[in-house]
PDB file of all heavy atoms in Angstrom:
ATOM      1  N   TYR A   1      94.544 121.029 105.263  1.00  0.00           N
ATOM      2  CA  TYR A   1      94.540 119.878 104.365  1.00  0.00           C
ATOM      3  C   TYR A   1      94.862 120.313 102.933  1.00  0.00           C
ATOM      4  O   TYR A   1      95.652 119.671 102.241  1.00  0.00           O
ATOM      5  CB  TYR A   1      93.177 119.202 104.424  1.00  0.00           C
ATOM      6  CG  TYR A   1      92.959 118.176 103.341  1.00  0.00           C
ATOM      7  CD1 TYR A   1      93.597 116.939 103.392  1.00  0.00           C
ATOM      8  CD2 TYR A   1      92.125 118.451 102.260  1.00  0.00           C
ATOM      9  CE1 TYR A   1      93.402 115.998 102.388  1.00  0.00           C
ATOM     10  CE2 TYR A   1      91.924 117.516 101.252  1.00  0.00           C
ATOM     11  CZ  TYR A   1      92.566 116.296 101.330  1.00  0.00           C
ATOM     12  OH  TYR A   1      92.377 115.368 100.339  1.00  0.00           O
ATOM     13  N   CYS A   2      94.269 121.403 102.491  1.00  0.00           N
ATOM     14  CA  CYS A   2      94.520 121.880 101.131  1.00  0.00           C
ATOM     15  C   CYS A   2      95.984 122.283 100.954  1.00  0.00           C
ATOM     16  O   CYS A   2      96.583 122.016  99.901  1.00  0.00           O
ATOM     17  CB  CYS A   2      93.597 123.046 100.811  1.00  0.00           C
ATOM     18  SG  CYS A   2      91.857 122.592 100.735  1.00  0.00           S
ATOM     19  N   ALA A   3      96.551 122.896 101.967  1.00  0.00           N
ATOM     20  CA  ALA A   3      97.973 123.254 101.900  1.00  0.00           C
ATOM     21  C   ALA A   3      98.830 122.011 101.751  1.00  0.00           C
ATOM     22  O   ALA A   3      99.797 121.979 100.970  1.00  0.00           O
ATOM     23  CB  ALA A   3      98.374 124.040 103.148  1.00  0.00           C
ATOM     24  N   ALA A   4      98.490 120.961 102.501  1.00  0.00           N
ATOM     25  CA  ALA A   4      99.250 119.720 102.410  1.00  0.00           C
ATOM     26  C   ALA A   4      99.106 119.074 101.032  1.00  0.00           C
ATOM     27  O   ALA A   4     100.085 118.582 100.456  1.00  0.00           O
ATOM     28  CB  ALA A   4      98.792 118.751 103.503  1.00  0.00           C
ATOM     29  N   ARG A   5      97.879 119.086 100.489  1.00  0.00           N
ATOM     30  CA  ARG A   5      97.652 118.520  99.155  1.00  0.00           C
ATOM     31  C   ARG A   5      98.481 119.255  98.098  1.00  0.00           C
ATOM     32  O   ARG A   5      99.061 118.643  97.204  1.00  0.00           O
ATOM     33  CB  ARG A   5      96.167 118.605  98.795  1.00  0.00           C
ATOM     34  CG  ARG A   5      95.287 117.569  99.450  1.00  0.00           C
ATOM     35  CD  ARG A   5      95.365 116.202  98.757  1.00  0.00           C
ATOM     36  NE  ARG A   5      95.076 116.247  97.330  1.00  0.00           N
ATOM     37  CZ  ARG A   5      93.853 116.190  96.794  1.00  0.00           C
ATOM     38  NH1 ARG A   5      92.787 116.097  97.585  1.00  0.00           N
ATOM     39  NH2 ARG A   5      93.695 116.198  95.486  1.00  0.00           N
ATOM     40  N   ILE A   6      98.526 120.577  98.204  1.00  0.00           N
ATOM     41  CA  ILE A   6      99.302 121.361  97.239  1.00  0.00           C
ATOM     42  C   ILE A   6     100.786 121.065  97.387  1.00  0.00           C
ATOM     43  O   ILE A   6     101.512 120.948  96.394  1.00  0.00           O
ATOM     44  CB  ILE A   6      98.992 122.861  97.401  1.00  0.00           C
ATOM     45  CG1 ILE A   6      97.539 123.142  96.988  1.00  0.00           C
ATOM     46  CG2 ILE A   6      99.964 123.707  96.571  1.00  0.00           C
ATOM     47  CD1 ILE A   6      97.050 124.531  97.349  1.00  0.00           C
ATOM     48  N   SER A   7     101.256 120.911  98.612  1.00  0.00           N
ATOM     49  CA  SER A   7     102.662 120.587  98.838  1.00  0.00           C
ATOM     50  C   SER A   7     103.035 119.262  98.177  1.00  0.00           C
ATOM     51  O   SER A   7     104.071 119.145  97.513  1.00  0.00           O
ATOM     52  CB  SER A   7     102.965 120.507 100.345  1.00  0.00           C
ATOM     53  OG  SER A   7     102.764 121.755 100.966  1.00  0.00           O
ATOM     54  N   VAL A   8     102.182 118.271  98.338  1.00  0.00           N
ATOM     55  CA  VAL A   8     102.435 116.968  97.715  1.00  0.00           C
ATOM     56  C   VAL A   8     102.378 117.095  96.195  1.00  0.00           C
ATOM     57  O   VAL A   8     103.208 116.519  95.474  1.00  0.00           O
ATOM     58  CB  VAL A   8     101.425 115.924  98.226  1.00  0.00           C
ATOM     59  CG1 VAL A   8     101.543 114.619  97.437  1.00  0.00           C
ATOM     60  CG2 VAL A   8     101.648 115.659  99.709  1.00  0.00           C
ATOM     61  N   PHE A   9     101.420 117.862  95.693  1.00  0.00           N
ATOM     62  CA  PHE A   9     101.302 118.048  94.249  1.00  0.00           C
ATOM     63  C   PHE A   9     102.568 118.658  93.653  1.00  0.00           C
ATOM     64  O   PHE A   9     103.036 118.226  92.587  1.00  0.00           O
ATOM     65  CB  PHE A   9     100.100 118.936  93.932  1.00  0.00           C
ATOM     66  CG  PHE A   9     100.031 119.335  92.481  1.00  0.00           C
ATOM     67  CD1 PHE A   9      99.525 118.457  91.535  1.00  0.00           C
ATOM     68  CD2 PHE A   9     100.511 120.568  92.058  1.00  0.00           C
ATOM     69  CE1 PHE A   9      99.480 118.801  90.199  1.00  0.00           C
ATOM     70  CE2 PHE A   9     100.471 120.930  90.716  1.00  0.00           C
ATOM     71  CZ  PHE A   9      99.960 120.048  89.784  1.00  0.00           C
ATOM     72  N   VAL A  10     103.140 119.666  94.318  1.00  0.00           N
ATOM     73  CA  VAL A  10     104.349 120.320  93.812  1.00  0.00           C
ATOM     74  C   VAL A  10     105.492 119.315  93.705  1.00  0.00           C
ATOM     75  O   VAL A  10     106.233 119.280  92.720  1.00  0.00           O
ATOM     76  CB  VAL A  10     104.727 121.514  94.709  1.00  0.00           C
ATOM     77  CG1 VAL A  10     106.132 122.030  94.393  1.00  0.00           C
ATOM     78  CG2 VAL A  10     103.715 122.638  94.550  1.00  0.00           C
ATOM     79  N   ARG A  11     105.629 118.473  94.704  1.00  0.00           N
ATOM     80  CA  ARG A  11     106.671 117.442  94.685  1.00  0.00           C
ATOM     81  C   ARG A  11     106.445 116.461  93.537  1.00  0.00           C
ATOM     82  O   ARG A  11     107.373 116.129  92.781  1.00  0.00           O
ATOM     83  CB  ARG A  11     106.662 116.704  96.021  1.00  0.00           C
ATOM     84  CG  ARG A  11     107.588 115.529  96.135  1.00  0.00           C
ATOM     85  CD  ARG A  11     108.976 115.936  96.490  1.00  0.00           C
ATOM     86  NE  ARG A  11     109.806 114.792  96.829  1.00  0.00           N
ATOM     87  CZ  ARG A  11     110.912 114.873  97.556  1.00  0.00           C
ATOM     88  NH1 ARG A  11     111.304 116.029  98.023  1.00  0.00           N
ATOM     89  NH2 ARG A  11     111.619 113.803  97.804  1.00  0.00           N
ATOM     90  N   GLU A  12     105.213 115.995  93.396  1.00  0.00           N
ATOM     91  CA  GLU A  12     104.912 115.017  92.351  1.00  0.00           C
ATOM     92  C   GLU A  12     105.033 115.641  90.959  1.00  0.00           C
ATOM     93  O   GLU A  12     105.462 114.976  90.007  1.00  0.00           O
ATOM     94  CB  GLU A  12     103.513 114.464  92.565  1.00  0.00           C
ATOM     95  CG  GLU A  12     103.412 113.582  93.816  1.00  0.00           C
ATOM     96  CD  GLU A  12     102.003 113.094  94.082  1.00  0.00           C
ATOM     97  OE1 GLU A  12     101.048 113.661  93.481  1.00  0.00           O
ATOM     98  OE2 GLU A  12     101.836 112.166  94.894  1.00  0.00           O
ATOM     99  N   LEU A  13     104.683 116.907  90.823  1.00  0.00           N
ATOM    100  CA  LEU A  13     104.816 117.607  89.553  1.00  0.00           C
ATOM    101  C   LEU A  13     106.268 117.632  89.095  1.00  0.00           C
ATOM    102  O   LEU A  13     106.583 117.322  87.932  1.00  0.00           O
ATOM    103  CB  LEU A  13     104.280 119.029  89.690  1.00  0.00           C
ATOM    104  CG  LEU A  13     104.530 119.984  88.521  1.00  0.00           C
ATOM    105  CD1 LEU A  13     103.739 119.533  87.293  1.00  0.00           C
ATOM    106  CD2 LEU A  13     104.162 121.416  88.904  1.00  0.00           C
ATOM    107  N   ALA A  14     107.163 117.980  90.000  1.00  0.00           N
ATOM    108  CA  ALA A  14     108.582 118.051  89.651  1.00  0.00           C
ATOM    109  C   ALA A  14     109.117 116.672  89.263  1.00  0.00           C
ATOM    110  O   ALA A  14     109.869 116.540  88.290  1.00  0.00           O
ATOM    111  CB  ALA A  14     109.383 118.634  90.816  1.00  0.00           C
ATOM    112  N   ARG A  15     108.735 115.652  89.991  1.00  0.00           N
ATOM    113  CA  ARG A  15     109.188 114.290  89.670  1.00  0.00           C
ATOM    114  C   ARG A  15     108.652 113.832  88.317  1.00  0.00           C
ATOM    115  O   ARG A  15     109.359 113.211  87.523  1.00  0.00           O
ATOM    116  CB  ARG A  15     108.738 113.324  90.761  1.00  0.00           C
ATOM    117  CG  ARG A  15     109.586 113.387  92.025  1.00  0.00           C
ATOM    118  CD  ARG A  15     109.093 112.394  93.045  1.00  0.00           C
ATOM    119  NE  ARG A  15     110.066 112.187  94.110  1.00  0.00           N
ATOM    120  CZ  ARG A  15     109.807 111.536  95.220  1.00  0.00           C
ATOM    121  NH1 ARG A  15     108.606 111.022  95.420  1.00  0.00           N
ATOM    122  NH2 ARG A  15     110.737 111.367  96.141  1.00  0.00           N
ATOM    123  N   ARG A  16     107.399 114.142  88.040  1.00  0.00           N
ATOM    124  CA  ARG A  16     106.780 113.712  86.791  1.00  0.00           C
ATOM    125  C   ARG A  16     107.396 114.432  85.591  1.00  0.00           C
ATOM    126  O   ARG A  16     107.651 113.812  84.552  1.00  0.00           O
ATOM    127  CB  ARG A  16     105.273 113.954  86.861  1.00  0.00           C
ATOM    128  CG  ARG A  16     104.537 113.713  85.552  1.00  0.00           C
ATOM    129  CD  ARG A  16     103.038 113.613  85.778  1.00  0.00           C
ATOM    130  NE  ARG A  16     102.525 114.636  86.660  1.00  0.00           N
ATOM    131  CZ  ARG A  16     102.231 115.893  86.295  1.00  0.00           C
ATOM    132  NH1 ARG A  16     102.436 116.269  85.044  1.00  0.00           N
ATOM    133  NH2 ARG A  16     101.737 116.753  87.160  1.00  0.00           N
ATOM    134  N   MET A  17     107.649 115.728  85.712  1.00  0.00           N
ATOM    135  CA  MET A  17     108.221 116.481  84.606  1.00  0.00           C
ATOM    136  C   MET A  17     109.676 116.102  84.367  1.00  0.00           C
ATOM    137  O   MET A  17     110.152 116.084  83.237  1.00  0.00           O
ATOM    138  CB  MET A  17     108.108 117.979  84.863  1.00  0.00           C
ATOM    139  CG  MET A  17     106.679 118.497  84.806  1.00  0.00           C
ATOM    140  SD  MET A  17     106.576 120.305  84.973  1.00  0.00           S
ATOM    141  CE  MET A  17     107.341 120.843  83.429  1.00  0.00           C
ATOM    142  N   GLY A  18     110.416 115.808  85.444  1.00  0.00           N
ATOM    143  CA  GLY A  18     111.807 115.394  85.318  1.00  0.00           C
ATOM    144  C   GLY A  18     112.685 116.506  84.766  1.00  0.00           C
ATOM    145  O   GLY A  18     112.378 117.691  84.874  1.00  0.00           O
ATOM    146  N   GLY A  19     113.804 116.113  84.145  1.00  0.00           N
ATOM    147  CA  GLY A  19     114.737 117.095  83.614  1.00  0.00           C
ATOM    148  C   GLY A  19     115.246 118.015  84.703  1.00  0.00           C
ATOM    149  O   GLY A  19     115.623 117.551  85.787  1.00  0.00           O
ATOM    150  N   SER A  20     115.246 119.316  84.424  1.00  0.00           N
ATOM    151  CA  SER A  20     115.737 120.272  85.410  1.00  0.00           C
ATOM    152  C   SER A  20     114.634 120.818  86.307  1.00  0.00           C
ATOM    153  O   SER A  20     114.896 121.677  87.158  1.00  0.00           O
ATOM    154  CB  SER A  20     116.435 121.448  84.702  1.00  0.00           C
ATOM    155  OG  SER A  20     115.494 122.231  83.989  1.00  0.00           O
ATOM    156  N   GLN A  21     113.410 120.331  86.128  1.00  0.00           N
ATOM    157  CA  GLN A  21     112.294 120.878  86.905  1.00  0.00           C
ATOM    158  C   GLN A  21     112.445 120.531  88.384  1.00  0.00           C
ATOM    159  O   GLN A  21     112.664 119.371  88.753  1.00  0.00           O
ATOM    160  CB  GLN A  21     110.957 120.324  86.400  1.00  0.00           C
ATOM    161  CG  GLN A  21     109.738 120.869  87.146  1.00  0.00           C
ATOM    162  CD  GLN A  21     109.540 122.343  86.932  1.00  0.00           C
ATOM    163  OE1 GLN A  21     109.537 122.813  85.802  1.00  0.00           O
ATOM    164  NE2 GLN A  21     109.397 123.102  88.020  1.00  0.00           N
ATOM    165  N   VAL A  22     112.312 121.541  89.232  1.00  0.00           N
ATOM    166  CA  VAL A  22     112.282 121.337  90.680  1.00  0.00           C
ATOM    167  C   VAL A  22     111.126 122.153  91.250  1.00  0.00           C
ATOM    168  O   VAL A  22     110.644 123.111  90.641  1.00  0.00           O
ATOM    169  CB  VAL A  22     113.603 121.739  91.382  1.00  0.00           C
ATOM    170  CG1 VAL A  22     114.735 120.815  90.975  1.00  0.00           C
ATOM    171  CG2 VAL A  22     113.975 123.193  91.073  1.00  0.00           C
ATOM    172  N   GLY A  23     110.662 121.752  92.436  1.00  0.00           N
ATOM    173  CA  GLY A  23     109.562 122.452  93.082  1.00  0.00           C
ATOM    174  C   GLY A  23     109.675 122.342  94.588  1.00  0.00           C
ATOM    175  O   GLY A  23     110.037 121.286  95.114  1.00  0.00           O
ATOM    176  N   THR A  24     109.350 123.429  95.278  1.00  0.00           N
ATOM    177  CA  THR A  24     109.511 123.477  96.729  1.00  0.00           C
ATOM    178  C   THR A  24     108.380 124.284  97.353  1.00  0.00           C
ATOM    179  O   THR A  24     108.042 125.366  96.868  1.00  0.00           O
ATOM    180  CB  THR A  24     110.843 124.161  97.116  1.00  0.00           C
ATOM    181  OG1 THR A  24     111.922 123.483  96.474  1.00  0.00           O
ATOM    182  CG2 THR A  24     111.051 124.153  98.618  1.00  0.00           C
ATOM    183  N   VAL A  25     107.799 123.763  98.420  1.00  0.00           N
ATOM    184  CA  VAL A  25     106.954 124.553  99.303  1.00  0.00           C
ATOM    185  C   VAL A  25     107.796 124.881 100.524  1.00  0.00           C
ATOM    186  O   VAL A  25     108.087 124.010 101.348  1.00  0.00           O
ATOM    187  CB  VAL A  25     105.660 123.797  99.678  1.00  0.00           C
ATOM    188  CG1 VAL A  25     104.887 124.559 100.750  1.00  0.00           C
ATOM    189  CG2 VAL A  25     104.800 123.589  98.440  1.00  0.00           C
ATOM    190  N   GLY A  26     108.220 126.141 100.599  1.00  0.00           N
ATOM    191  CA  GLY A  26     109.190 126.511 101.629  1.00  0.00           C
ATOM    192  C   GLY A  26     108.595 127.101 102.884  1.00  0.00           C
ATOM    193  O   GLY A  26     109.206 127.068 103.949  1.00  0.00           O
ATOM    194  N   VAL A  27     107.397 127.671 102.785  1.00  0.00           N
ATOM    195  CA  VAL A  27     106.741 128.298 103.932  1.00  0.00           C
ATOM    196  C   VAL A  27     105.336 127.718 104.067  1.00  0.00           C
ATOM    197  O   VAL A  27     104.602 127.621 103.080  1.00  0.00           O
ATOM    198  CB  VAL A  27     106.642 129.839 103.760  1.00  0.00           C
ATOM    199  CG1 VAL A  27     105.794 130.457 104.886  1.00  0.00           C
ATOM    200  CG2 VAL A  27     108.025 130.476 103.727  1.00  0.00           C
ATOM    201  N   THR A  28     104.973 127.331 105.290  1.00  0.00           N
ATOM    202  CA  THR A  28     103.597 126.929 105.589  1.00  0.00           C
ATOM    203  C   THR A  28     103.203 127.542 106.930  1.00  0.00           C
ATOM    204  O   THR A  28     103.884 127.314 107.934  1.00  0.00           O
ATOM    205  CB  THR A  28     103.440 125.398 105.673  1.00  0.00           C
ATOM    206  OG1 THR A  28     103.839 124.809 104.434  1.00  0.00           O
ATOM    207  CG2 THR A  28     101.995 125.017 105.952  1.00  0.00           C
ATOM    208  N   ARG A  29     102.151 128.348 106.917  1.00  0.00           N
ATOM    209  CA  ARG A  29     101.657 128.959 108.159  1.00  0.00           C
ATOM    210  C   ARG A  29     100.166 128.698 108.268  1.00  0.00           C
ATOM    211  O   ARG A  29      99.413 128.994 107.339  1.00  0.00           O
ATOM    212  CB  ARG A  29     101.925 130.469 108.172  1.00  0.00           C
ATOM    213  CG  ARG A  29     103.400 130.841 108.150  1.00  0.00           C
ATOM    214  CD  ARG A  29     103.577 132.327 108.468  1.00  0.00           C
ATOM    215  NE  ARG A  29     104.985 132.703 108.446  1.00  0.00           N
ATOM    216  CZ  ARG A  29     105.578 133.339 107.456  1.00  0.00           C
ATOM    217  NH1 ARG A  29     104.877 133.693 106.384  1.00  0.00           N
ATOM    218  NH2 ARG A  29     106.837 133.667 107.509  1.00  0.00           N
ATOM    219  N   LEU A  30      99.750 128.154 109.411  1.00  0.00           N
ATOM    220  CA  LEU A  30      98.340 127.844 109.636  1.00  0.00           C
ATOM    221  C   LEU A  30      97.761 128.770 110.700  1.00  0.00           C
ATOM    222  O   LEU A  30      98.450 129.163 111.647  1.00  0.00           O
ATOM    223  CB  LEU A  30      98.179 126.394 110.095  1.00  0.00           C
ATOM    224  CG  LEU A  30      98.716 125.299 109.149  1.00  0.00           C
ATOM    225  CD1 LEU A  30      98.435 123.933 109.747  1.00  0.00           C
ATOM    226  CD2 LEU A  30      98.112 125.425 107.762  1.00  0.00           C
ATOM    227  N   VAL A  31      96.489 129.096 110.529  1.00  0.00           N
ATOM    228  CA  VAL A  31      95.743 129.896 111.510  1.00  0.00           C
ATOM    229  C   VAL A  31      94.463 129.127 111.832  1.00  0.00           C
ATOM    230  O   VAL A  31      93.735 128.730 110.915  1.00  0.00           O
ATOM    231  CB  VAL A  31      95.388 131.290 110.937  1.00  0.00           C
ATOM    232  CG1 VAL A  31      94.558 132.089 111.957  1.00  0.00           C
ATOM    233  CG2 VAL A  31      96.652 132.067 110.577  1.00  0.00           C
ATOM    234  N   PRO A  32      94.177 128.844 113.119  1.00  0.00           N
ATOM    235  CA  PRO A  32      94.853 129.337 114.317  1.00  0.00           C
ATOM    236  C   PRO A  32      96.061 128.519 114.774  1.00  0.00           C
ATOM    237  O   PRO A  32      96.642 128.821 115.816  1.00  0.00           O
ATOM    238  CB  PRO A  32      93.751 129.295 115.370  1.00  0.00           C
ATOM    239  CG  PRO A  32      92.891 128.143 114.956  1.00  0.00           C
ATOM    240  CD  PRO A  32      92.912 128.160 113.462  1.00  0.00           C
ATOM    241  N   ASN A  33      96.439 127.475 114.058  1.00  0.00           N
ATOM    242  CA  ASN A  33      97.638 126.702 114.397  1.00  0.00           C
ATOM    243  C   ASN A  33      97.526 126.026 115.772  1.00  0.00           C
ATOM    244  O   ASN A  33      98.437 126.101 116.589  1.00  0.00           O
ATOM    245  CB  ASN A  33      98.885 127.608 114.343  1.00  0.00           C
ATOM    246  CG  ASN A  33     100.164 126.812 114.120  1.00  0.00           C
ATOM    247  OD1 ASN A  33     100.177 125.850 113.359  1.00  0.00           O
ATOM    248  ND2 ASN A  33     101.244 127.230 114.755  1.00  0.00           N
ATOM    249  N   LEU A  34      96.405 125.368 115.994  1.00  0.00           N
ATOM    250  CA  LEU A  34      96.135 124.685 117.257  1.00  0.00           C
ATOM    251  C   LEU A  34      95.887 123.205 116.993  1.00  0.00           C
ATOM    252  O   LEU A  34      95.318 122.825 115.961  1.00  0.00           O
ATOM    253  CB  LEU A  34      94.921 125.297 117.946  1.00  0.00           C
ATOM    254  CG  LEU A  34      95.057 126.774 118.350  1.00  0.00           C
ATOM    255  CD1 LEU A  34      93.724 127.311 118.855  1.00  0.00           C
ATOM    256  CD2 LEU A  34      96.150 126.954 119.399  1.00  0.00           C
ATOM    257  N   VAL A  35      96.252 122.363 117.943  1.00  0.00           N
ATOM    258  CA  VAL A  35      96.207 120.922 117.726  1.00  0.00           C
ATOM    259  C   VAL A  35      94.795 120.401 117.531  1.00  0.00           C
ATOM    260  O   VAL A  35      94.570 119.416 116.809  1.00  0.00           O
ATOM    261  CB  VAL A  35      96.919 120.189 118.900  1.00  0.00           C
ATOM    262  CG1 VAL A  35      96.157 120.356 120.197  1.00  0.00           C
ATOM    263  CG2 VAL A  35      97.134 118.725 118.571  1.00  0.00           C
ATOM    264  N   ASN A  36      93.804 121.058 118.138  1.00  0.00           N
ATOM    265  CA  ASN A  36      92.428 120.517 118.096  1.00  0.00           C
ATOM    266  C   ASN A  36      91.456 121.425 117.347  1.00  0.00           C
ATOM    267  O   ASN A  36      90.257 121.386 117.597  1.00  0.00           O
ATOM    268  CB  ASN A  36      91.925 120.263 119.514  1.00  0.00           C
ATOM    269  CG  ASN A  36      91.896 121.531 120.361  1.00  0.00           C
ATOM    270  OD1 ASN A  36      92.479 122.556 119.971  1.00  0.00           O
ATOM    271  ND2 ASN A  36      91.234 121.459 121.508  1.00  0.00           N
ATOM    272  N   VAL A  37      91.995 122.261 116.438  1.00  0.00           N
ATOM    273  CA  VAL A  37      91.137 123.160 115.655  1.00  0.00           C
ATOM    274  C   VAL A  37      91.484 123.024 114.175  1.00  0.00           C
ATOM    275  O   VAL A  37      92.652 123.079 113.784  1.00  0.00           O
ATOM    276  CB  VAL A  37      91.322 124.631 116.103  1.00  0.00           C
ATOM    277  CG1 VAL A  37      90.416 125.549 115.258  1.00  0.00           C
ATOM    278  CG2 VAL A  37      91.003 124.786 117.580  1.00  0.00           C
ATOM    279  N   ILE A  38      90.461 122.849 113.351  1.00  0.00           N
ATOM    280  CA  ILE A  38      90.659 122.838 111.900  1.00  0.00           C
ATOM    281  C   ILE A  38      91.113 124.230 111.461  1.00  0.00           C
ATOM    282  O   ILE A  38      90.502 125.238 111.838  1.00  0.00           O
ATOM    283  CB  ILE A  38      89.337 122.456 111.191  1.00  0.00           C
ATOM    284  CG1 ILE A  38      88.890 121.051 111.614  1.00  0.00           C
ATOM    285  CG2 ILE A  38      89.478 122.559 109.679  1.00  0.00           C
ATOM    286  CD1 ILE A  38      87.445 120.758 111.277  1.00  0.00           C
TER     287      ILE A  38
END
């Protein structure tokens, strides 16, 4: 969840700053990466 929140924040930050500012979350890896485990 925190990773997702940060990803959204980076996108919104770039839009809010405007100009030449860009932001990207390019890699996301979760452990244990299972459908029914936090």
